[in-house]
Amino acid sequence: MDQELTVVSNILPAAWVEIVQDGEVVQLFRYSSEGACVADTWHLTVDEAKAQAEFEFGICDHDWAEVGAV
């Protein structure tokens, strides 16, 4: 069975990304330059989220900075 990919919407480019861990849930959020969340992905671990960010944006482990709780 061949499947054809169909674009359903265009995602704005990410101006910055954040990894948020809430209990056992880890999400990689992508934000537009206007501050709107334009996409997110769910991951089992922070390391998996970092690997996804490196794949998509070239962000290496040493590029991350921890910020205080809001």
N, C-alpha and C. Protein backbone atom coordinates (compact mmCIF):
# COMPACT_ATOMS: atom_id res chain seq x y z
N MET A 1 0.84 -1.18 0.00
CA MET A 1 0.00 0.00 0.00
C MET A 1 0.89 1.25 0.00
N ASP A 2 0.85 2.00 -1.07
CA ASP A 2 1.62 3.24 -1.16
C ASP A 2 0.82 4.37 -0.56
N GLN A 3 1.49 5.20 0.19
CA GLN A 3 0.83 6.36 0.79
C GLN A 3 1.48 7.62 0.28
N GLU A 4 0.68 8.60 -0.01
CA GLU A 4 1.17 9.88 -0.46
C GLU A 4 1.04 10.89 0.67
N LEU A 5 2.10 11.65 0.92
CA LEU A 5 2.06 12.67 1.95
C LEU A 5 1.33 13.89 1.43
N THR A 6 0.49 14.45 2.27
CA THR A 6 -0.26 15.64 1.92
C THR A 6 0.00 16.71 2.97
N VAL A 7 0.39 17.90 2.53
CA VAL A 7 0.58 19.02 3.43
C VAL A 7 -0.78 19.55 3.83
N VAL A 8 -1.04 19.58 5.15
CA VAL A 8 -2.32 20.09 5.61
C VAL A 8 -2.20 21.52 6.13
N SER A 9 -1.01 21.92 6.51
CA SER A 9 -0.78 23.31 6.89
C SER A 9 0.72 23.55 6.93
N ASN A 10 1.09 24.78 6.75
CA ASN A 10 2.49 25.15 6.85
C ASN A 10 2.78 25.61 8.27
N ILE A 11 3.86 25.14 8.83
CA ILE A 11 4.25 25.53 10.18
C ILE A 11 5.24 26.68 10.06
N LEU A 12 5.02 27.73 10.83
CA LEU A 12 5.95 28.86 10.84
C LEU A 12 7.31 28.39 11.33
N PRO A 13 8.37 29.01 10.84
CA PRO A 13 9.70 28.62 11.32
C PRO A 13 9.84 28.91 12.81
N ALA A 14 10.59 28.07 13.49
CA ALA A 14 10.81 28.26 14.93
C ALA A 14 11.89 29.30 15.16
N ALA A 15 11.59 30.26 16.03
CA ALA A 15 12.58 31.25 16.44
C ALA A 15 13.36 30.73 17.65
N TRP A 16 12.69 29.94 18.47
CA TRP A 16 13.36 29.29 19.60
C TRP A 16 12.59 28.03 19.96
N VAL A 17 13.25 27.17 20.72
CA VAL A 17 12.62 25.92 21.18
C VAL A 17 12.82 25.79 22.67
N GLU A 18 11.93 25.03 23.30
CA GLU A 18 12.03 24.74 24.72
C GLU A 18 11.71 23.28 24.96
N ILE A 19 12.41 22.69 25.90
CA ILE A 19 12.07 21.35 26.37
C ILE A 19 11.47 21.50 27.75
N VAL A 20 10.29 20.93 27.93
CA VAL A 20 9.59 21.01 29.21
C VAL A 20 9.32 19.60 29.70
N GLN A 21 9.73 19.31 30.93
CA GLN A 21 9.42 18.03 31.55
C GLN A 21 8.44 18.27 32.67
N ASP A 22 7.31 17.59 32.61
CA ASP A 22 6.27 17.68 33.63
C ASP A 22 5.96 16.26 34.08
N GLY A 23 6.56 15.86 35.18
CA GLY A 23 6.42 14.47 35.62
C GLY A 23 7.14 13.57 34.65
N GLU A 24 6.42 12.61 34.08
CA GLU A 24 7.01 11.69 33.12
C GLU A 24 6.85 12.14 31.68
N VAL A 25 6.22 13.29 31.47
CA VAL A 25 5.97 13.81 30.13
C VAL A 25 7.07 14.80 29.76
N VAL A 26 7.67 14.61 28.58
CA VAL A 26 8.68 15.53 28.06
C VAL A 26 8.20 16.02 26.70
N GLN A 27 8.17 17.34 26.53
CA GLN A 27 7.74 17.90 25.25
C GLN A 27 8.79 18.88 24.74
N LEU A 28 8.95 18.87 23.42
CA LEU A 28 9.79 19.84 22.73
C LEU A 28 8.85 20.82 22.05
N PHE A 29 8.86 22.07 22.51
CA PHE A 29 8.00 23.10 21.95
C PHE A 29 8.80 23.98 21.00
N ARG A 30 8.16 24.37 19.89
CA ARG A 30 8.74 25.28 18.93
C ARG A 30 7.92 26.56 18.92
N TYR A 31 8.57 27.71 19.03
CA TYR A 31 7.89 29.00 19.11
C TYR A 31 8.26 29.89 17.93
N SER A 32 7.27 30.64 17.43
CA SER A 32 7.51 31.61 16.36
C SER A 32 8.15 32.86 16.96
N SER A 33 8.61 33.75 16.10
CA SER A 33 9.21 35.00 16.58
C SER A 33 8.20 35.88 17.31
N GLU A 34 6.91 35.62 17.09
CA GLU A 34 5.85 36.35 17.79
C GLU A 34 5.53 35.74 19.15
N GLY A 35 6.17 34.60 19.47
CA GLY A 35 5.94 33.97 20.77
C GLY A 35 4.84 32.92 20.77
N ALA A 36 4.29 32.61 19.61
CA ALA A 36 3.23 31.59 19.52
C ALA A 36 3.86 30.21 19.39
N CYS A 37 3.29 29.25 20.10
CA CYS A 37 3.75 27.87 19.95
C CYS A 37 3.24 27.37 18.60
N VAL A 38 4.16 27.00 17.72
CA VAL A 38 3.78 26.58 16.37
C VAL A 38 3.80 25.07 16.19
N ALA A 39 4.44 24.36 17.11
CA ALA A 39 4.47 22.89 17.03
C ALA A 39 5.06 22.35 18.32
N ASP A 40 4.74 21.09 18.59
CA ASP A 40 5.36 20.40 19.72
C ASP A 40 5.40 18.91 19.43
N THR A 41 6.33 18.24 20.10
CA THR A 41 6.43 16.79 20.00
C THR A 41 6.61 16.23 21.40
N TRP A 42 6.11 15.02 21.59
CA TRP A 42 6.17 14.32 22.86
C TRP A 42 7.32 13.33 22.82
N HIS A 43 8.04 13.22 23.95
CA HIS A 43 9.20 12.33 24.03
C HIS A 43 9.21 11.59 25.36
N LEU A 44 9.86 10.44 25.38
CA LEU A 44 9.96 9.64 26.60
C LEU A 44 10.97 10.21 27.58
N THR A 45 12.03 10.85 27.04
CA THR A 45 13.09 11.40 27.90
C THR A 45 13.55 12.75 27.37
N VAL A 46 14.23 13.49 28.24
CA VAL A 46 14.83 14.76 27.83
C VAL A 46 15.88 14.51 26.75
N ASP A 47 16.65 13.42 26.89
CA ASP A 47 17.66 13.12 25.88
C ASP A 47 17.04 12.89 24.50
N GLU A 48 15.87 12.24 24.46
CA GLU A 48 15.18 12.05 23.17
C GLU A 48 14.73 13.38 22.59
N ALA A 49 14.24 14.27 23.44
CA ALA A 49 13.82 15.60 22.98
C ALA A 49 15.02 16.38 22.44
N LYS A 50 16.15 16.28 23.13
CA LYS A 50 17.37 16.94 22.67
C LYS A 50 17.83 16.36 21.33
N ALA A 51 17.71 15.05 21.17
CA ALA A 51 18.09 14.43 19.91
C ALA A 51 17.21 14.92 18.77
N GLN A 52 15.92 15.10 19.03
CA GLN A 52 15.00 15.62 18.02
C GLN A 52 15.36 17.06 17.66
N ALA A 53 15.69 17.87 18.67
CA ALA A 53 16.10 19.26 18.43
C ALA A 53 17.39 19.31 17.62
N GLU A 54 18.30 18.39 17.89
CA GLU A 54 19.54 18.35 17.12
C GLU A 54 19.25 17.96 15.67
N PHE A 55 18.35 16.99 15.47
CA PHE A 55 17.97 16.55 14.12
C PHE A 55 17.32 17.69 13.34
N GLU A 56 16.37 18.40 13.99
CA GLU A 56 15.61 19.45 13.28
C GLU A 56 16.38 20.75 13.13
N PHE A 57 17.14 21.13 14.16
CA PHE A 57 17.70 22.48 14.20
C PHE A 57 19.21 22.54 14.39
N GLY A 58 19.85 21.40 14.57
CA GLY A 58 21.29 21.39 14.78
C GLY A 58 21.70 21.86 16.17
N ILE A 59 20.79 21.79 17.13
CA ILE A 59 21.09 22.21 18.50
C ILE A 59 21.81 21.08 19.21
N CYS A 60 23.04 21.32 19.61
CA CYS A 60 23.84 20.30 20.30
C CYS A 60 23.58 20.35 21.80
N ASP A 61 23.96 19.28 22.47
CA ASP A 61 23.72 19.17 23.91
C ASP A 61 24.30 20.36 24.68
N HIS A 62 25.50 20.81 24.29
CA HIS A 62 26.15 21.93 25.01
C HIS A 62 25.49 23.29 24.71
N ASP A 63 24.59 23.35 23.74
CA ASP A 63 23.90 24.59 23.42
C ASP A 63 22.73 24.89 24.36
N TRP A 64 22.28 23.89 25.11
CA TRP A 64 21.11 24.06 25.98
C TRP A 64 21.48 24.81 27.25
N ALA A 65 20.53 25.60 27.74
CA ALA A 65 20.69 26.30 29.02
C ALA A 65 19.41 26.08 29.83
N GLU A 66 19.59 25.76 31.09
CA GLU A 66 18.43 25.57 31.95
C GLU A 66 17.98 26.93 32.46
N VAL A 67 16.68 27.15 32.42
CA VAL A 67 16.11 28.41 32.92
C VAL A 67 15.26 28.11 34.14
N GLY A 68 15.06 29.12 34.98
CA GLY A 68 14.28 28.94 36.19
C GLY A 68 12.82 28.67 35.92
N ALA A 69 12.16 28.11 36.90
CA ALA A 69 10.73 27.83 36.79
C ALA A 69 9.95 29.13 36.71
N VAL A 70 8.91 29.09 35.91
CA VAL A 70 8.08 30.29 35.73
C VAL A 70 6.96 30.27 36.75
